[in-house]
Amino acid sequence: MLRFLFIGLPLLVLFLLAVGLGALNKQAIPFDFMFGTVQLPVAVLAGLFVGFGFLVGLASMFAKQVALRNENRKLRKQLVARDNADA
């Protein structure tokens, strides 16, 4: 249940926000990439940027979790080694 609150609920809110933006903003605007220009609706462009930001945030959280897991593993090994030396 807690996992749904932290992962599923924000995704649901983002989806509803994108649907709302899509319903209200149907005009297309030019978007310049490095290799060309594309006409995209405002809602699609906003959805892409929100999704990209969400993925960057998710990747940074995952990287921090891996670093903390490695540090935890290292500290557990040190604790076991210290307990074996004391015994």
N, C-alpha and C. Protein backbone atom coordinates (compact mmCIF):
# COMPACT_ATOMS: atom_id res chain seq x y z
N MET A 1 0.82 -1.19 0.00
CA MET A 1 0.00 0.00 0.00
C MET A 1 0.87 1.26 0.00
N LEU A 2 1.94 1.21 0.77
CA LEU A 2 2.83 2.36 0.85
C LEU A 2 3.53 2.59 -0.48
N ARG A 3 3.85 1.51 -1.17
CA ARG A 3 4.48 1.63 -2.48
C ARG A 3 3.54 2.31 -3.47
N PHE A 4 2.25 2.00 -3.39
CA PHE A 4 1.28 2.66 -4.27
C PHE A 4 1.23 4.16 -4.00
N LEU A 5 1.30 4.53 -2.72
CA LEU A 5 1.24 5.95 -2.38
C LEU A 5 2.43 6.72 -2.95
N PHE A 6 3.60 6.11 -2.97
CA PHE A 6 4.80 6.81 -3.42
C PHE A 6 5.06 6.67 -4.92
N ILE A 7 4.52 5.64 -5.56
CA ILE A 7 4.78 5.44 -6.99
C ILE A 7 3.50 5.59 -7.80
N GLY A 8 2.48 4.87 -7.44
CA GLY A 8 1.26 4.86 -8.24
C GLY A 8 0.47 6.14 -8.18
N LEU A 9 0.37 6.74 -7.01
CA LEU A 9 -0.42 7.96 -6.88
C LEU A 9 0.19 9.13 -7.66
N PRO A 10 1.51 9.38 -7.58
CA PRO A 10 2.07 10.45 -8.42
C PRO A 10 1.90 10.19 -9.91
N LEU A 11 2.02 8.94 -10.34
CA LEU A 11 1.81 8.63 -11.76
C LEU A 11 0.37 8.89 -12.17
N LEU A 12 -0.56 8.56 -11.31
CA LEU A 12 -1.97 8.81 -11.59
C LEU A 12 -2.24 10.31 -11.68
N VAL A 13 -1.66 11.08 -10.78
CA VAL A 13 -1.83 12.54 -10.80
C VAL A 13 -1.22 13.12 -12.07
N LEU A 14 -0.04 12.65 -12.46
CA LEU A 14 0.59 13.14 -13.68
C LEU A 14 -0.25 12.79 -14.91
N PHE A 15 -0.82 11.60 -14.93
CA PHE A 15 -1.67 11.21 -16.05
C PHE A 15 -2.90 12.09 -16.13
N LEU A 16 -3.55 12.33 -15.01
CA LEU A 16 -4.74 13.18 -15.01
C LEU A 16 -4.40 14.61 -15.39
N LEU A 17 -3.24 15.09 -14.96
CA LEU A 17 -2.79 16.42 -15.34
C LEU A 17 -2.56 16.51 -16.85
N ALA A 18 -1.94 15.48 -17.41
CA ALA A 18 -1.70 15.46 -18.86
C ALA A 18 -3.01 15.40 -19.64
N VAL A 19 -3.97 14.64 -19.16
CA VAL A 19 -5.27 14.57 -19.83
C VAL A 19 -5.96 15.92 -19.76
N GLY A 20 -5.88 16.57 -18.60
CA GLY A 20 -6.48 17.90 -18.46
C GLY A 20 -5.83 18.92 -19.37
N LEU A 21 -4.52 18.89 -19.44
CA LEU A 21 -3.82 19.81 -20.34
C LEU A 21 -4.16 19.52 -21.80
N GLY A 22 -4.28 18.27 -22.13
CA GLY A 22 -4.61 17.90 -23.50
C GLY A 22 -6.00 18.34 -23.89
N ALA A 23 -6.92 18.31 -22.96
CA ALA A 23 -8.28 18.72 -23.26
C ALA A 23 -8.37 20.24 -23.44
N LEU A 24 -7.53 20.98 -22.73
CA LEU A 24 -7.62 22.44 -22.78
C LEU A 24 -6.72 23.09 -23.82
N ASN A 25 -5.60 22.47 -24.14
CA ASN A 25 -4.61 23.08 -25.04
C ASN A 25 -4.42 22.21 -26.28
N LYS A 26 -5.11 22.57 -27.34
CA LYS A 26 -5.02 21.77 -28.57
C LYS A 26 -4.17 22.43 -29.64
N GLN A 27 -3.74 23.67 -29.44
CA GLN A 27 -2.96 24.34 -30.47
C GLN A 27 -1.54 23.77 -30.51
N ALA A 28 -0.99 23.71 -31.71
CA ALA A 28 0.36 23.18 -31.92
C ALA A 28 1.36 24.34 -31.95
N ILE A 29 2.52 24.09 -31.37
CA ILE A 29 3.59 25.08 -31.38
C ILE A 29 4.84 24.43 -31.94
N PRO A 30 5.72 25.20 -32.58
CA PRO A 30 6.96 24.61 -33.09
C PRO A 30 7.95 24.37 -31.95
N PHE A 31 8.59 23.23 -31.99
CA PHE A 31 9.62 22.88 -31.00
C PHE A 31 10.90 22.54 -31.76
N ASP A 32 11.98 23.24 -31.45
CA ASP A 32 13.25 23.07 -32.15
C ASP A 32 14.13 22.07 -31.43
N PHE A 33 14.44 20.98 -32.11
CA PHE A 33 15.45 20.04 -31.63
C PHE A 33 16.78 20.44 -32.26
N MET A 34 17.84 19.76 -31.89
CA MET A 34 19.13 20.03 -32.50
C MET A 34 19.13 19.66 -33.99
N PHE A 35 18.32 18.69 -34.35
CA PHE A 35 18.34 18.17 -35.72
C PHE A 35 17.13 18.56 -36.55
N GLY A 36 16.21 19.36 -35.98
CA GLY A 36 15.06 19.77 -36.77
C GLY A 36 13.98 20.41 -35.92
N THR A 37 12.90 20.75 -36.57
CA THR A 37 11.77 21.38 -35.90
C THR A 37 10.54 20.50 -36.05
N VAL A 38 9.76 20.40 -34.99
CA VAL A 38 8.55 19.58 -34.98
C VAL A 38 7.40 20.43 -34.45
N GLN A 39 6.23 20.27 -35.03
CA GLN A 39 5.03 20.91 -34.51
C GLN A 39 4.37 19.96 -33.52
N LEU A 40 4.29 20.38 -32.25
CA LEU A 40 3.69 19.55 -31.22
C LEU A 40 2.61 20.33 -30.47
N PRO A 41 1.55 19.65 -30.08
CA PRO A 41 0.56 20.31 -29.22
C PRO A 41 1.18 20.67 -27.86
N VAL A 42 0.67 21.72 -27.26
CA VAL A 42 1.21 22.18 -25.98
C VAL A 42 1.12 21.08 -24.93
N ALA A 43 0.03 20.33 -24.91
CA ALA A 43 -0.16 19.28 -23.91
C ALA A 43 0.88 18.17 -24.08
N VAL A 44 1.18 17.80 -25.31
CA VAL A 44 2.17 16.75 -25.55
C VAL A 44 3.54 17.22 -25.09
N LEU A 45 3.88 18.45 -25.42
CA LEU A 45 5.17 18.99 -25.02
C LEU A 45 5.28 19.08 -23.50
N ALA A 46 4.24 19.55 -22.85
CA ALA A 46 4.24 19.62 -21.38
C ALA A 46 4.33 18.23 -20.78
N GLY A 47 3.60 17.28 -21.34
CA GLY A 47 3.66 15.91 -20.85
C GLY A 47 5.04 15.30 -21.00
N LEU A 48 5.70 15.57 -22.13
CA LEU A 48 7.06 15.06 -22.34
C LEU A 48 8.03 15.62 -21.30
N PHE A 49 7.92 16.93 -21.04
CA PHE A 49 8.83 17.52 -20.07
C PHE A 49 8.55 17.06 -18.64
N VAL A 50 7.28 16.90 -18.29
CA VAL A 50 6.94 16.40 -16.96
C VAL A 50 7.41 14.95 -16.82
N GLY A 51 7.19 14.15 -17.85
CA GLY A 51 7.66 12.76 -17.81
C GLY A 51 9.17 12.66 -17.73
N PHE A 52 9.87 13.51 -18.49
CA PHE A 52 11.33 13.51 -18.45
C PHE A 52 11.82 13.91 -17.05
N GLY A 53 11.20 14.91 -16.46
CA GLY A 53 11.57 15.31 -15.11
C GLY A 53 11.32 14.22 -14.09
N PHE A 54 10.20 13.50 -14.26
CA PHE A 54 9.90 12.39 -13.36
C PHE A 54 10.95 11.29 -13.50
N LEU A 55 11.35 10.99 -14.73
CA LEU A 55 12.36 9.94 -14.93
C LEU A 55 13.72 10.35 -14.37
N VAL A 56 14.09 11.62 -14.52
CA VAL A 56 15.36 12.10 -13.95
C VAL A 56 15.32 12.00 -12.43
N GLY A 57 14.21 12.38 -11.83
CA GLY A 57 14.07 12.27 -10.38
C GLY A 57 14.11 10.83 -9.91
N LEU A 58 13.46 9.95 -10.65
CA LEU A 58 13.47 8.53 -10.31
C LEU A 58 14.87 7.95 -10.42
N ALA A 59 15.60 8.33 -11.45
CA ALA A 59 16.97 7.85 -11.62
C ALA A 59 17.88 8.35 -10.50
N SER A 60 17.71 9.59 -10.08
CA SER A 60 18.55 10.12 -9.00
C SER A 60 18.21 9.44 -7.68
N MET A 61 16.94 9.15 -7.46
CA MET A 61 16.56 8.42 -6.23
C MET A 61 17.12 7.01 -6.25
N PHE A 62 17.09 6.37 -7.41
CA PHE A 62 17.63 5.02 -7.52
C PHE A 62 19.13 5.00 -7.28
N ALA A 63 19.84 5.99 -7.83
CA ALA A 63 21.29 6.07 -7.62
C ALA A 63 21.62 6.25 -6.14
N LYS A 64 20.86 7.10 -5.45
CA LYS A 64 21.10 7.32 -4.03
C LYS A 64 20.79 6.05 -3.23
N GLN A 65 19.75 5.33 -3.62
CA GLN A 65 19.40 4.09 -2.93
C GLN A 65 20.51 3.05 -3.09
N VAL A 66 21.08 2.95 -4.27
CA VAL A 66 22.18 2.00 -4.50
C VAL A 66 23.39 2.39 -3.66
N ALA A 67 23.69 3.68 -3.59
CA ALA A 67 24.83 4.14 -2.79
C ALA A 67 24.60 3.83 -1.31
N LEU A 68 23.40 4.07 -0.82
CA LEU A 68 23.10 3.78 0.58
C LEU A 68 23.12 2.28 0.86
N ARG A 69 22.66 1.47 -0.09
CA ARG A 69 22.70 0.02 0.09
C ARG A 69 24.14 -0.47 0.16
N ASN A 70 25.02 0.07 -0.69
CA ASN A 70 26.43 -0.31 -0.65
C ASN A 70 27.08 0.11 0.66
N GLU A 71 26.75 1.31 1.13
CA GLU A 71 27.32 1.77 2.40
C GLU A 71 26.82 0.90 3.56
N ASN A 72 25.56 0.52 3.53
CA ASN A 72 25.00 -0.34 4.56
C ASN A 72 25.69 -1.70 4.56
N ARG A 73 25.93 -2.26 3.37
CA ARG A 73 26.61 -3.55 3.27
C ARG A 73 28.03 -3.46 3.83
N LYS A 74 28.73 -2.36 3.53
CA LYS A 74 30.09 -2.15 4.01
C LYS A 74 30.11 -2.03 5.54
N LEU A 75 29.16 -1.30 6.10
CA LEU A 75 29.11 -1.13 7.55
C LEU A 75 28.76 -2.43 8.25
N ARG A 76 27.88 -3.25 7.64
CA ARG A 76 27.56 -4.55 8.23
C ARG A 76 28.80 -5.46 8.27
N LYS A 77 29.59 -5.43 7.19
CA LYS A 77 30.81 -6.23 7.17
C LYS A 77 31.78 -5.78 8.24
N GLN A 78 31.90 -4.45 8.42
CA GLN A 78 32.78 -3.94 9.47
C GLN A 78 32.29 -4.35 10.85
N LEU A 79 30.99 -4.35 11.06
CA LEU A 79 30.42 -4.74 12.34
C LEU A 79 30.66 -6.21 12.63
N VAL A 80 30.47 -7.05 11.63
CA VAL A 80 30.71 -8.49 11.80
C VAL A 80 32.19 -8.73 12.08
N ALA A 81 33.07 -8.05 11.36
CA ALA A 81 34.50 -8.21 11.58
C ALA A 81 34.87 -7.76 12.99
N ARG A 82 34.29 -6.68 13.46
CA ARG A 82 34.60 -6.19 14.81
C ARG A 82 34.06 -7.15 15.88
N ASP A 83 32.86 -7.72 15.65
CA ASP A 83 32.31 -8.68 16.60
C ASP A 83 33.15 -9.95 16.64
N ASN A 84 33.67 -10.40 15.49
CA ASN A 84 34.51 -11.60 15.46
C ASN A 84 35.85 -11.34 16.13
N ALA A 85 36.37 -10.12 16.03
CA ALA A 85 37.64 -9.79 16.67
C ALA A 85 37.49 -9.69 18.17
N ASP A 86 36.33 -9.25 18.66
CA ASP A 86 36.09 -9.13 20.09
C ASP A 86 35.85 -10.49 20.73
N ALA A 87 35.34 -11.43 19.98
CA ALA A 87 34.98 -12.74 20.55
C ALA A 87 36.17 -13.63 20.76
